[in-house]
Amino acid sequence: RAVMKPFLQEDQPVQGAAYWTVTNEFHGSVEGLAGNRVIELLGRIVGSIWHEHIVTRMDTSLIREQIHLEHREIAKAIIAKQPSKAAHLMHDHFAGLVEEYRQHWPGRFDELIEWD
């Protein structure tokens, strides 16, 4: 409950570094609750790649309120000890983001990731 409580607030930031901090903290907190360091590490790795190669190169300002809403619903399911519902909501959250990004940047997911 304590870990998810900050994400229940309706006035989450939608601009600048504060937005990125709170969204990254949400996903990191969920990963941490799994109690499995391998899963947590894998989630952080995939999340970092996703953020660096997809999210930072797109304007997400129009969907940030929706992202916070989805995070609140996931947090509520976790607090209510409804793991199946939380998993379903998280799946839908990621699927919706992938679809949103595909619509605005067709082909991005097919590009080779190159590190400088």
PDB file of N, CA and C in Angstrom:
ATOM      1  N   ARG A   1       0.829  -1.182   0.000  1.00  0.00           N
ATOM      2  CA  ARG A   1       0.000   0.000   0.000  1.00  0.00           C
ATOM      3  C   ARG A   1       0.875   1.248   0.000  1.00  0.00           C
ATOM      4  N   ALA A   2       1.872   1.276   0.864  1.00  0.00           N
ATOM      5  CA  ALA A   2       2.734   2.458   0.980  1.00  0.00           C
ATOM      6  C   ALA A   2       3.507   2.733  -0.303  1.00  0.00           C
ATOM      7  N   VAL A   3       3.931   1.683  -0.983  1.00  0.00           N
ATOM      8  CA  VAL A   3       4.709   1.846  -2.216  1.00  0.00           C
ATOM      9  C   VAL A   3       3.853   2.438  -3.334  1.00  0.00           C
ATOM     10  N   MET A   4       2.602   2.032  -3.408  1.00  0.00           N
ATOM     11  CA  MET A   4       1.715   2.489  -4.481  1.00  0.00           C
ATOM     12  C   MET A   4       0.979   3.790  -4.166  1.00  0.00           C
ATOM     13  N   LYS A   5       0.904   4.155  -2.904  1.00  0.00           N
ATOM     14  CA  LYS A   5       0.122   5.331  -2.500  1.00  0.00           C
ATOM     15  C   LYS A   5       0.493   6.613  -3.255  1.00  0.00           C
ATOM     16  N   PRO A   6       1.767   6.925  -3.471  1.00  0.00           N
ATOM     17  CA  PRO A   6       2.089   8.174  -4.181  1.00  0.00           C
ATOM     18  C   PRO A   6       1.501   8.254  -5.592  1.00  0.00           C
ATOM     19  N   PHE A   7       1.239   7.121  -6.195  1.00  0.00           N
ATOM     20  CA  PHE A   7       0.763   7.099  -7.575  1.00  0.00           C
ATOM     21  C   PHE A   7      -0.762   7.203  -7.678  1.00  0.00           C
ATOM     22  N   LEU A   8      -1.430   7.269  -6.537  1.00  0.00           N
ATOM     23  CA  LEU A   8      -2.876   7.444  -6.517  1.00  0.00           C
ATOM     24  C   LEU A   8      -3.277   8.910  -6.648  1.00  0.00           C
ATOM     25  N   GLN A   9      -2.353   9.806  -6.438  1.00  0.00           N
ATOM     26  CA  GLN A   9      -2.639  11.240  -6.520  1.00  0.00           C
ATOM     27  C   GLN A   9      -3.057  11.618  -7.939  1.00  0.00           C
ATOM     28  N   GLU A  10      -4.084  12.431  -8.034  1.00  0.00           N
ATOM     29  CA  GLU A  10      -4.585  12.831  -9.341  1.00  0.00           C
ATOM     30  C   GLU A  10      -3.818  13.990  -9.957  1.00  0.00           C
ATOM     31  N   ASP A  11      -3.024  14.677  -9.165  1.00  0.00           N
ATOM     32  CA  ASP A  11      -2.291  15.837  -9.675  1.00  0.00           C
ATOM     33  C   ASP A  11      -0.824  15.503  -9.975  1.00  0.00           C
ATOM     34  N   GLN A  12      -0.612  14.456 -10.720  1.00  0.00           N
ATOM     35  CA  GLN A  12       0.744  14.053 -11.099  1.00  0.00           C
ATOM     36  C   GLN A  12       1.290  15.037 -12.138  1.00  0.00           C
ATOM     37  N   PRO A  13       2.602  15.255 -12.141  1.00  0.00           N
ATOM     38  CA  PRO A  13       3.184  16.191 -13.117  1.00  0.00           C
ATOM     39  C   PRO A  13       3.075  15.658 -14.544  1.00  0.00           C
ATOM     40  N   VAL A  14       2.882  16.574 -15.481  1.00  0.00           N
ATOM     41  CA  VAL A  14       2.783  16.187 -16.893  1.00  0.00           C
ATOM     42  C   VAL A  14       3.827  16.891 -17.759  1.00  0.00           C
ATOM     43  N   GLN A  15       4.753  17.594 -17.116  1.00  0.00           N
ATOM     44  CA  GLN A  15       5.773  18.330 -17.866  1.00  0.00           C
ATOM     45  C   GLN A  15       7.174  18.016 -17.344  1.00  0.00           C
ATOM     46  N   GLY A  16       8.135  18.086 -18.245  1.00  0.00           N
ATOM     47  CA  GLY A  16       9.548  18.056 -17.902  1.00  0.00           C
ATOM     48  C   GLY A  16      10.027  16.834 -17.152  1.00  0.00           C
ATOM     49  N   ALA A  17      11.118  17.053 -16.421  1.00  0.00           N
ATOM     50  CA  ALA A  17      11.775  15.966 -15.702  1.00  0.00           C
ATOM     51  C   ALA A  17      10.880  15.354 -14.628  1.00  0.00           C
ATOM     52  N   ALA A  18      10.013  16.162 -14.028  1.00  0.00           N
ATOM     53  CA  ALA A  18       9.123  15.643 -12.990  1.00  0.00           C
ATOM     54  C   ALA A  18       8.201  14.562 -13.542  1.00  0.00           C
ATOM     55  N   TYR A  19       7.737  14.739 -14.777  1.00  0.00           N
ATOM     56  CA  TYR A  19       6.875  13.723 -15.402  1.00  0.00           C
ATOM     57  C   TYR A  19       7.648  12.420 -15.568  1.00  0.00           C
ATOM     58  N   TRP A  20       8.850  12.521 -16.140  1.00  0.00           N
ATOM     59  CA  TRP A  20       9.646  11.313 -16.381  1.00  0.00           C
ATOM     60  C   TRP A  20      10.005  10.631 -15.079  1.00  0.00           C
ATOM     61  N   THR A  21      10.290  11.409 -14.057  1.00  0.00           N
ATOM     62  CA  THR A  21      10.643  10.831 -12.765  1.00  0.00           C
ATOM     63  C   THR A  21       9.496  10.016 -12.201  1.00  0.00           C
ATOM     64  N   VAL A  22       8.299  10.593 -12.170  1.00  0.00           N
ATOM     65  CA  VAL A  22       7.174   9.889 -11.559  1.00  0.00           C
ATOM     66  C   VAL A  22       6.762   8.663 -12.371  1.00  0.00           C
ATOM     67  N   THR A  23       6.827   8.737 -13.688  1.00  0.00           N
ATOM     68  CA  THR A  23       6.448   7.555 -14.471  1.00  0.00           C
ATOM     69  C   THR A  23       7.489   6.445 -14.330  1.00  0.00           C
ATOM     70  N   ASN A  24       8.757   6.814 -14.314  1.00  0.00           N
ATOM     71  CA  ASN A  24       9.803   5.806 -14.114  1.00  0.00           C
ATOM     72  C   ASN A  24       9.738   5.213 -12.712  1.00  0.00           C
ATOM     73  N   GLU A  25       9.432   6.051 -11.718  1.00  0.00           N
ATOM     74  CA  GLU A  25       9.293   5.547 -10.353  1.00  0.00           C
ATOM     75  C   GLU A  25       8.120   4.579 -10.234  1.00  0.00           C
ATOM     76  N   PHE A  26       7.045   4.853 -10.958  1.00  0.00           N
ATOM     77  CA  PHE A  26       5.902   3.935 -10.921  1.00  0.00           C
ATOM     78  C   PHE A  26       6.327   2.552 -11.390  1.00  0.00           C
ATOM     79  N   HIS A  27       6.913   2.498 -12.570  1.00  0.00           N
ATOM     80  CA  HIS A  27       7.287   1.190 -13.110  1.00  0.00           C
ATOM     81  C   HIS A  27       8.360   0.519 -12.262  1.00  0.00           C
ATOM     82  N   GLY A  28       9.313   1.280 -11.765  1.00  0.00           N
ATOM     83  CA  GLY A  28      10.330   0.713 -10.884  1.00  0.00           C
ATOM     84  C   GLY A  28       9.733   0.167  -9.602  1.00  0.00           C
ATOM     85  N   SER A  29       8.734   0.854  -9.071  1.00  0.00           N
ATOM     86  CA  SER A  29       8.074   0.394  -7.846  1.00  0.00           C
ATOM     87  C   SER A  29       7.316  -0.906  -8.084  1.00  0.00           C
ATOM     88  N   VAL A  30       6.614  -0.986  -9.207  1.00  0.00           N
ATOM     89  CA  VAL A  30       5.892  -2.224  -9.531  1.00  0.00           C
ATOM     90  C   VAL A  30       6.890  -3.372  -9.694  1.00  0.00           C
ATOM     91  N   GLU A  31       7.966  -3.118 -10.404  1.00  0.00           N
ATOM     92  CA  GLU A  31       8.977  -4.158 -10.592  1.00  0.00           C
ATOM     93  C   GLU A  31       9.556  -4.598  -9.250  1.00  0.00           C
ATOM     94  N   GLY A  32       9.802  -3.639  -8.372  1.00  0.00           N
ATOM     95  CA  GLY A  32      10.346  -3.955  -7.056  1.00  0.00           C
ATOM     96  C   GLY A  32       9.405  -4.799  -6.219  1.00  0.00           C
ATOM     97  N   LEU A  33       8.108  -4.585  -6.369  1.00  0.00           N
ATOM     98  CA  LEU A  33       7.126  -5.358  -5.606  1.00  0.00           C
ATOM     99  C   LEU A  33       7.079  -6.824  -6.016  1.00  0.00           C
ATOM    100  N   ALA A  34       7.607  -7.139  -7.179  1.00  0.00           N
ATOM    101  CA  ALA A  34       7.609  -8.529  -7.635  1.00  0.00           C
ATOM    102  C   ALA A  34       8.448  -9.411  -6.711  1.00  0.00           C
ATOM    103  N   GLY A  35       9.413  -8.796  -6.024  1.00  0.00           N
ATOM    104  CA  GLY A  35      10.246  -9.570  -5.111  1.00  0.00           C
ATOM    105  C   GLY A  35      11.226 -10.484  -5.821  1.00  0.00           C
ATOM    106  N   ASN A  36      11.473 -10.197  -7.080  1.00  0.00           N
ATOM    107  CA  ASN A  36      12.375 -11.026  -7.876  1.00  0.00           C
ATOM    108  C   ASN A  36      13.381 -10.089  -8.543  1.00  0.00           C
ATOM    109  N   ARG A  37      14.611 -10.111  -8.074  1.00  0.00           N
ATOM    110  CA  ARG A  37      15.625  -9.187  -8.568  1.00  0.00           C
ATOM    111  C   ARG A  37      15.903  -9.363 -10.059  1.00  0.00           C
ATOM    112  N   VAL A  38      15.784 -10.572 -10.574  1.00  0.00           N
ATOM    113  CA  VAL A  38      16.013 -10.804 -12.003  1.00  0.00           C
ATOM    114  C   VAL A  38      14.912 -10.121 -12.818  1.00  0.00           C
ATOM    115  N   ILE A  39      13.662 -10.301 -12.402  1.00  0.00           N
ATOM    116  CA  ILE A  39      12.543  -9.653 -13.084  1.00  0.00           C
ATOM    117  C   ILE A  39      12.679  -8.136 -12.987  1.00  0.00           C
ATOM    118  N   GLU A  40      13.056  -7.653 -11.809  1.00  0.00           N
ATOM    119  CA  GLU A  40      13.227  -6.217 -11.624  1.00  0.00           C
ATOM    120  C   GLU A  40      14.318  -5.672 -12.550  1.00  0.00           C
ATOM    121  N   LEU A  41      15.439  -6.354 -12.612  1.00  0.00           N
ATOM    122  CA  LEU A  41      16.540  -5.926 -13.479  1.00  0.00           C
ATOM    123  C   LEU A  41      16.127  -5.966 -14.946  1.00  0.00           C
ATOM    124  N   LEU A  42      15.484  -7.039 -15.362  1.00  0.00           N
ATOM    125  CA  LEU A  42      15.032  -7.159 -16.743  1.00  0.00           C
ATOM    126  C   LEU A  42      14.052  -6.040 -17.100  1.00  0.00           C
ATOM    127  N   GLY A  43      13.112  -5.758 -16.201  1.00  0.00           N
ATOM    128  CA  GLY A  43      12.163  -4.680 -16.433  1.00  0.00           C
ATOM    129  C   GLY A  43      12.850  -3.337 -16.574  1.00  0.00           C
ATOM    130  N   ARG A  44      13.848  -3.104 -15.751  1.00  0.00           N
ATOM    131  CA  ARG A  44      14.578  -1.829 -15.824  1.00  0.00           C
ATOM    132  C   ARG A  44      15.387  -1.725 -17.119  1.00  0.00           C
ATOM    133  N   ILE A  45      15.960  -2.825 -17.556  1.00  0.00           N
ATOM    134  CA  ILE A  45      16.730  -2.817 -18.804  1.00  0.00           C
ATOM    135  C   ILE A  45      15.814  -2.525 -19.989  1.00  0.00           C
ATOM    136  N   VAL A  46      14.735  -3.274 -20.085  1.00  0.00           N
ATOM    137  CA  VAL A  46      13.792  -3.078 -21.187  1.00  0.00           C
ATOM    138  C   VAL A  46      13.198  -1.675 -21.119  1.00  0.00           C
ATOM    139  N   GLY A  47      12.859  -1.225 -19.920  1.00  0.00           N
ATOM    140  CA  GLY A  47      12.316   0.120 -19.752  1.00  0.00           C
ATOM    141  C   GLY A  47      13.287   1.202 -20.191  1.00  0.00           C
ATOM    142  N   SER A  48      14.557   1.021 -19.894  1.00  0.00           N
ATOM    143  CA  SER A  48      15.567   2.003 -20.306  1.00  0.00           C
ATOM    144  C   SER A  48      15.717   2.041 -21.815  1.00  0.00           C
ATOM    145  N   ILE A  49      15.726   0.884 -22.443  1.00  0.00           N
ATOM    146  CA  ILE A  49      15.820   0.826 -23.906  1.00  0.00           C
ATOM    147  C   ILE A  49      14.584   1.475 -24.522  1.00  0.00           C
ATOM    148  N   TRP A  50      13.417   1.130 -24.013  1.00  0.00           N
ATOM    149  CA  TRP A  50      12.155   1.692 -24.497  1.00  0.00           C
ATOM    150  C   TRP A  50      12.177   3.215 -24.374  1.00  0.00           C
ATOM    151  N   HIS A  51      12.571   3.690 -23.213  1.00  0.00           N
ATOM    152  CA  HIS A  51      12.573   5.129 -22.967  1.00  0.00           C
ATOM    153  C   HIS A  51      13.562   5.852 -23.885  1.00  0.00           C
ATOM    154  N   GLU A  52      14.764   5.335 -23.991  1.00  0.00           N
ATOM    155  CA  GLU A  52      15.817   5.997 -24.773  1.00  0.00           C
ATOM    156  C   GLU A  52      15.535   5.976 -26.271  1.00  0.00           C
ATOM    157  N   HIS A  53      15.058   4.868 -26.782  1.00  0.00           N
ATOM    158  CA  HIS A  53      14.929   4.711 -28.230  1.00  0.00           C
ATOM    159  C   HIS A  53      13.529   4.968 -28.787  1.00  0.00           C
ATOM    160  N   ILE A  54      12.545   5.063 -27.923  1.00  0.00           N
ATOM    161  CA  ILE A  54      11.182   5.308 -28.397  1.00  0.00           C
ATOM    162  C   ILE A  54      10.632   6.600 -27.781  1.00  0.00           C
ATOM    163  N   VAL A  55      10.462   6.596 -26.483  1.00  0.00           N
ATOM    164  CA  VAL A  55       9.724   7.657 -25.807  1.00  0.00           C
ATOM    165  C   VAL A  55      10.392   9.024 -25.922  1.00  0.00           C
ATOM    166  N   THR A  56      11.696   9.099 -25.744  1.00  0.00           N
ATOM    167  CA  THR A  56      12.365  10.404 -25.763  1.00  0.00           C
ATOM    168  C   THR A  56      12.378  11.039 -27.142  1.00  0.00           C
ATOM    169  N   ARG A  57      12.031  10.295 -28.148  1.00  0.00           N
ATOM    170  CA  ARG A  57      12.049  10.809 -29.513  1.00  0.00           C
ATOM    171  C   ARG A  57      10.653  11.142 -30.029  1.00  0.00           C
ATOM    172  N   MET A  58       9.678  11.163 -29.116  1.00  0.00           N
ATOM    173  CA  MET A  58       8.298  11.435 -29.510  1.00  0.00           C
ATOM    174  C   MET A  58       7.680  12.434 -28.539  1.00  0.00           C
ATOM    175  N   ASP A  59       6.678  13.128 -28.988  1.00  0.00           N
ATOM    176  CA  ASP A  59       5.926  14.040 -28.135  1.00  0.00           C
ATOM    177  C   ASP A  59       4.791  13.254 -27.496  1.00  0.00           C
ATOM    178  N   THR A  60       4.901  13.025 -26.212  1.00  0.00           N
ATOM    179  CA  THR A  60       3.894  12.250 -25.489  1.00  0.00           C
ATOM    180  C   THR A  60       2.941  13.133 -24.688  1.00  0.00           C
ATOM    181  N   SER A  61       3.025  14.431 -24.873  1.00  0.00           N
ATOM    182  CA  SER A  61       2.263  15.357 -24.031  1.00  0.00           C
ATOM    183  C   SER A  61       0.749  15.115 -24.074  1.00  0.00           C
ATOM    184  N   LEU A  62       0.224  14.663 -25.193  1.00  0.00           N
ATOM    185  CA  LEU A  62      -1.227  14.468 -25.307  1.00  0.00           C
ATOM    186  C   LEU A  62      -1.742  13.233 -24.578  1.00  0.00           C
ATOM    187  N   ILE A  63      -0.855  12.310 -24.230  1.00  0.00           N
ATOM    188  CA  ILE A  63      -1.308  11.078 -23.579  1.00  0.00           C
ATOM    189  C   ILE A  63      -0.840  10.951 -22.130  1.00  0.00           C
ATOM    190  N   ARG A  64      -0.188  11.954 -21.615  1.00  0.00           N
ATOM    191  CA  ARG A  64       0.376  11.852 -20.264  1.00  0.00           C
ATOM    192  C   ARG A  64      -0.681  11.735 -19.182  1.00  0.00           C
ATOM    193  N   GLU A  65      -1.778  12.455 -19.306  1.00  0.00           N
ATOM    194  CA  GLU A  65      -2.864  12.314 -18.314  1.00  0.00           C
ATOM    195  C   GLU A  65      -3.432  10.899 -18.346  1.00  0.00           C
ATOM    196  N   GLN A  66      -3.578  10.344 -19.545  1.00  0.00           N
ATOM    197  CA  GLN A  66      -4.075   8.971 -19.684  1.00  0.00           C
ATOM    198  C   GLN A  66      -3.098   7.979 -19.053  1.00  0.00           C
ATOM    199  N   ILE A  67      -1.822   8.213 -19.241  1.00  0.00           N
ATOM    200  CA  ILE A  67      -0.808   7.342 -18.634  1.00  0.00           C
ATOM    201  C   ILE A  67      -0.935   7.371 -17.116  1.00  0.00           C
ATOM    202  N   HIS A  68      -1.088   8.560 -16.542  1.00  0.00           N
ATOM    203  CA  HIS A  68      -1.256   8.653 -15.087  1.00  0.00           C
ATOM    204  C   HIS A  68      -2.531   7.952 -14.631  1.00  0.00           C
ATOM    205  N   LEU A  69      -3.600   8.087 -15.386  1.00  0.00           N
ATOM    206  CA  LEU A  69      -4.853   7.405 -15.051  1.00  0.00           C
ATOM    207  C   LEU A  69      -4.642   5.891 -15.038  1.00  0.00           C
ATOM    208  N   GLU A  70      -3.982   5.374 -16.047  1.00  0.00           N
ATOM    209  CA  GLU A  70      -3.716   3.930 -16.109  1.00  0.00           C
ATOM    210  C   GLU A  70      -2.833   3.498 -14.942  1.00  0.00           C
ATOM    211  N   HIS A  71      -1.837   4.303 -14.605  1.00  0.00           N
ATOM    212  CA  HIS A  71      -0.982   3.976 -13.460  1.00  0.00           C
ATOM    213  C   HIS A  71      -1.805   3.940 -12.165  1.00  0.00           C
ATOM    214  N   ARG A  72      -2.731   4.894 -11.998  1.00  0.00           N
ATOM    215  CA  ARG A  72      -3.583   4.897 -10.803  1.00  0.00           C
ATOM    216  C   ARG A  72      -4.420   3.630 -10.713  1.00  0.00           C
ATOM    217  N   GLU A  73      -4.978   3.208 -11.839  1.00  0.00           N
ATOM    218  CA  GLU A  73      -5.812   1.995 -11.839  1.00  0.00           C
ATOM    219  C   GLU A  73      -4.980   0.752 -11.515  1.00  0.00           C
ATOM    220  N   ILE A  74      -3.785   0.690 -12.042  1.00  0.00           N
ATOM    221  CA  ILE A  74      -2.894  -0.434 -11.726  1.00  0.00           C
ATOM    222  C   ILE A  74      -2.536  -0.413 -10.248  1.00  0.00           C
ATOM    223  N   ALA A  75      -2.197   0.768  -9.734  1.00  0.00           N
ATOM    224  CA  ALA A  75      -1.856   0.901  -8.310  1.00  0.00           C
ATOM    225  C   ALA A  75      -3.021   0.474  -7.425  1.00  0.00           C
ATOM    226  N   LYS A  76      -4.230   0.857  -7.785  1.00  0.00           N
ATOM    227  CA  LYS A  76      -5.409   0.469  -7.009  1.00  0.00           C
ATOM    228  C   LYS A  76      -5.575  -1.050  -6.984  1.00  0.00           C
ATOM    229  N   ALA A  77      -5.348  -1.694  -8.123  1.00  0.00           N
ATOM    230  CA  ALA A  77      -5.470  -3.160  -8.181  1.00  0.00           C
ATOM    231  C   ALA A  77      -4.399  -3.828  -7.323  1.00  0.00           C
ATOM    232  N   ILE A  78      -3.199  -3.279  -7.342  1.00  0.00           N
ATOM    233  CA  ILE A  78      -2.118  -3.836  -6.510  1.00  0.00           C
ATOM    234  C   ILE A  78      -2.459  -3.674  -5.041  1.00  0.00           C
ATOM    235  N   ILE A  79      -2.914  -2.485  -4.646  1.00  0.00           N
ATOM    236  CA  ILE A  79      -3.287  -2.232  -3.247  1.00  0.00           C
ATOM    237  C   ILE A  79      -4.414  -3.151  -2.817  1.00  0.00           C
ATOM    238  N   ALA A  80      -5.363  -3.413  -3.720  1.00  0.00           N
ATOM    239  CA  ALA A  80      -6.507  -4.284  -3.406  1.00  0.00           C
ATOM    240  C   ALA A  80      -6.138  -5.766  -3.466  1.00  0.00           C
ATOM    241  N   LYS A  81      -4.867  -6.047  -3.713  1.00  0.00           N
ATOM    242  CA  LYS A  81      -4.376  -7.432  -3.791  1.00  0.00           C
ATOM    243  C   LYS A  81      -5.110  -8.221  -4.863  1.00  0.00           C
ATOM    244  N   GLN A  82      -5.203  -7.588  -6.041  1.00  0.00           N
ATOM    245  CA  GLN A  82      -5.837  -8.213  -7.201  1.00  0.00           C
ATOM    246  C   GLN A  82      -4.776  -8.380  -8.298  1.00  0.00           C
ATOM    247  N   PRO A  83      -3.899  -9.370  -8.146  1.00  0.00           N
ATOM    248  CA  PRO A  83      -2.782  -9.502  -9.096  1.00  0.00           C
ATOM    249  C   PRO A  83      -3.218  -9.772 -10.535  1.00  0.00           C
ATOM    250  N   SER A  84      -4.270 -10.529 -10.727  1.00  0.00           N
ATOM    251  CA  SER A  84      -4.730 -10.798 -12.096  1.00  0.00           C
ATOM    252  C   SER A  84      -5.228  -9.524 -12.759  1.00  0.00           C
ATOM    253  N   LYS A  85      -5.981  -8.727 -12.002  1.00  0.00           N
ATOM    254  CA  LYS A  85      -6.475  -7.459 -12.543  1.00  0.00           C
ATOM    255  C   LYS A  85      -5.310  -6.520 -12.822  1.00  0.00           C
ATOM    256  N   ALA A  86      -4.347  -6.439 -11.909  1.00  0.00           N
ATOM    257  CA  ALA A  86      -3.181  -5.573 -12.104  1.00  0.00           C
ATOM    258  C   ALA A  86      -2.396  -6.000 -13.343  1.00  0.00           C
ATOM    259  N   ALA A  87      -2.218  -7.302 -13.510  1.00  0.00           N
ATOM    260  CA  ALA A  87      -1.488  -7.808 -14.679  1.00  0.00           C
ATOM    261  C   ALA A  87      -2.234  -7.467 -15.965  1.00  0.00           C
ATOM    262  N   HIS A  88      -3.530  -7.631 -15.961  1.00  0.00           N
ATOM    263  CA  HIS A  88      -4.355  -7.307 -17.131  1.00  0.00           C
ATOM    264  C   HIS A  88      -4.252  -5.818 -17.463  1.00  0.00           C
ATOM    265  N   LEU A  89      -4.365  -4.981 -16.441  1.00  0.00           N
ATOM    266  CA  LEU A  89      -4.270  -3.535 -16.643  1.00  0.00           C
ATOM    267  C   LEU A  89      -2.890  -3.130 -17.154  1.00  0.00           C
ATOM    268  N   MET A  90      -1.841  -3.757 -16.622  1.00  0.00           N
ATOM    269  CA  MET A  90      -0.481  -3.439 -17.079  1.00  0.00           C
ATOM    270  C   MET A  90      -0.301  -3.868 -18.525  1.00  0.00           C
ATOM    271  N   HIS A  91      -0.822  -5.035 -18.868  1.00  0.00           N
ATOM    272  CA  HIS A  91      -0.764  -5.497 -20.252  1.00  0.00           C
ATOM    273  C   HIS A  91      -1.445  -4.498 -21.177  1.00  0.00           C
ATOM    274  N   ASP A  92      -2.640  -4.082 -20.801  1.00  0.00           N
ATOM    275  CA  ASP A  92      -3.385  -3.115 -21.612  1.00  0.00           C
ATOM    276  C   ASP A  92      -2.654  -1.775 -21.695  1.00  0.00           C
ATOM    277  N   HIS A  93      -2.021  -1.390 -20.604  1.00  0.00           N
ATOM    278  CA  HIS A  93      -1.248  -0.145 -20.561  1.00  0.00           C
ATOM    279  C   HIS A  93      -0.126  -0.183 -21.594  1.00  0.00           C
ATOM    280  N   PHE A  94       0.657  -1.248 -21.575  1.00  0.00           N
ATOM    281  CA  PHE A  94       1.760  -1.361 -22.533  1.00  0.00           C
ATOM    282  C   PHE A  94       1.256  -1.504 -23.966  1.00  0.00           C
ATOM    283  N   ALA A  95       0.213  -2.294 -24.163  1.00  0.00           N
ATOM    284  CA  ALA A  95      -0.337  -2.473 -25.511  1.00  0.00           C
ATOM    285  C   ALA A  95      -0.849  -1.150 -26.065  1.00  0.00           C
ATOM    286  N   GLY A  96      -1.497  -0.366 -25.225  1.00  0.00           N
ATOM    287  CA  GLY A  96      -1.980   0.940 -25.665  1.00  0.00           C
ATOM    288  C   GLY A  96      -0.847   1.883 -26.031  1.00  0.00           C
ATOM    289  N   LEU A  97       0.226   1.851 -25.255  1.00  0.00           N
ATOM    290  CA  LEU A  97       1.380   2.699 -25.562  1.00  0.00           C
ATOM    291  C   LEU A  97       2.040   2.287 -26.871  1.00  0.00           C
ATOM    292  N   VAL A  98       2.204   0.994 -27.055  1.00  0.00           N
ATOM    293  CA  VAL A  98       2.806   0.516 -28.304  1.00  0.00           C
ATOM    294  C   VAL A  98       1.964   0.961 -29.490  1.00  0.00           C
ATOM    295  N   GLU A  99       0.648   0.815 -29.398  1.00  0.00           N
ATOM    296  CA  GLU A  99      -0.237   1.227 -30.488  1.00  0.00           C
ATOM    297  C   GLU A  99      -0.138   2.735 -30.734  1.00  0.00           C
ATOM    298  N   GLU A 100      -0.139   3.513 -29.667  1.00  0.00           N
ATOM    299  CA  GLU A 100      -0.015   4.968 -29.788  1.00  0.00           C
ATOM    300  C   GLU A 100       1.288   5.343 -30.497  1.00  0.00           C
ATOM    301  N   TYR A 101       2.368   4.726 -30.090  1.00  0.00           N
ATOM    302  CA  TYR A 101       3.663   5.040 -30.689  1.00  0.00           C
ATOM    303  C   TYR A 101       3.741   4.555 -32.137  1.00  0.00           C
ATOM    304  N   ARG A 102       3.162   3.406 -32.417  1.00  0.00           N
ATOM    305  CA  ARG A 102       3.158   2.914 -33.801  1.00  0.00           C
ATOM    306  C   ARG A 102       2.395   3.863 -34.729  1.00  0.00           C
ATOM    307  N   GLN A 103       1.301   4.416 -34.258  1.00  0.00           N
ATOM    308  CA  GLN A 103       0.507   5.338 -35.071  1.00  0.00           C
ATOM    309  C   GLN A 103       1.289   6.601 -35.404  1.00  0.00           C
ATOM    310  N   HIS A 104       2.090   7.063 -34.459  1.00  0.00           N
ATOM    311  CA  HIS A 104       2.809   8.315 -34.658  1.00  0.00           C
ATOM    312  C   HIS A 104       4.212   8.139 -35.235  1.00  0.00           C
ATOM    313  N   TRP A 105       4.709   6.934 -35.218  1.00  0.00           N
ATOM    314  CA  TRP A 105       6.042   6.695 -35.752  1.00  0.00           C
ATOM    315  C   TRP A 105       6.105   5.290 -36.367  1.00  0.00           C
ATOM    316  N   PRO A 106       5.422   5.118 -37.483  1.00  0.00           N
ATOM    317  CA  PRO A 106       5.403   3.796 -38.122  1.00  0.00           C
ATOM    318  C   PRO A 106       6.822   3.335 -38.451  1.00  0.00           C
ATOM    319  N   GLY A 107       7.092   2.109 -38.189  1.00  0.00           N
ATOM    320  CA  GLY A 107       8.388   1.529 -38.523  1.00  0.00           C
ATOM    321  C   GLY A 107       9.436   1.659 -37.435  1.00  0.00           C
ATOM    322  N   ARG A 108       9.196   2.485 -36.417  1.00  0.00           N
ATOM    323  CA  ARG A 108      10.206   2.690 -35.373  1.00  0.00           C
ATOM    324  C   ARG A 108      10.542   1.384 -34.658  1.00  0.00           C
ATOM    325  N   PHE A 109       9.567   0.539 -34.460  1.00  0.00           N
ATOM    326  CA  PHE A 109       9.803  -0.705 -33.733  1.00  0.00           C
ATOM    327  C   PHE A 109      10.556  -1.727 -34.571  1.00  0.00           C
ATOM    328  N   ASP A 110      10.665  -1.477 -35.856  1.00  0.00           N
ATOM    329  CA  ASP A 110      11.400  -2.387 -36.733  1.00  0.00           C
ATOM    330  C   ASP A 110      12.849  -1.966 -36.929  1.00  0.00           C
ATOM    331  N   GLU A 111      13.213  -0.784 -36.412  1.00  0.00           N
ATOM    332  CA  GLU A 111      14.575  -0.289 -36.584  1.00  0.00           C
ATOM    333  C   GLU A 111      15.543  -0.998 -35.640  1.00  0.00           C
ATOM    334  N   LEU A 112      16.759  -1.148 -36.099  1.00  0.00           N
ATOM    335  CA  LEU A 112      17.834  -1.716 -35.292  1.00  0.00           C
ATOM    336  C   LEU A 112      18.233  -0.692 -34.232  1.00  0.00           C
ATOM    337  N   ILE A 113      18.389  -1.134 -33.007  1.00  0.00           N
ATOM    338  CA  ILE A 113      18.845  -0.243 -31.941  1.00  0.00           C
ATOM    339  C   ILE A 113      20.364  -0.180 -31.996  1.00  0.00           C
ATOM    340  N   GLU A 114      20.872   1.028 -32.169  1.00  0.00           N
ATOM    341  CA  GLU A 114      22.309   1.234 -32.210  1.00  0.00           C
ATOM    342  C   GLU A 114      22.716   2.155 -31.087  1.00  0.00           C
ATOM    343  N   TRP A 115      23.743   1.774 -30.366  1.00  0.00           N
ATOM    344  CA  TRP A 115      24.250   2.583 -29.240  1.00  0.00           C
ATOM    345  C   TRP A 115      25.452   3.368 -29.739  1.00  0.00           C
ATOM    346  N   ASP A 116      25.484   4.640 -29.386  1.00  0.00           N
ATOM    347  CA  ASP A 116      26.610   5.482 -29.761  1.00  0.00           C
ATOM    348  C   ASP A 116      27.749   5.348 -28.780  1.00  0.00           C
TER     349      ASP A 116
END
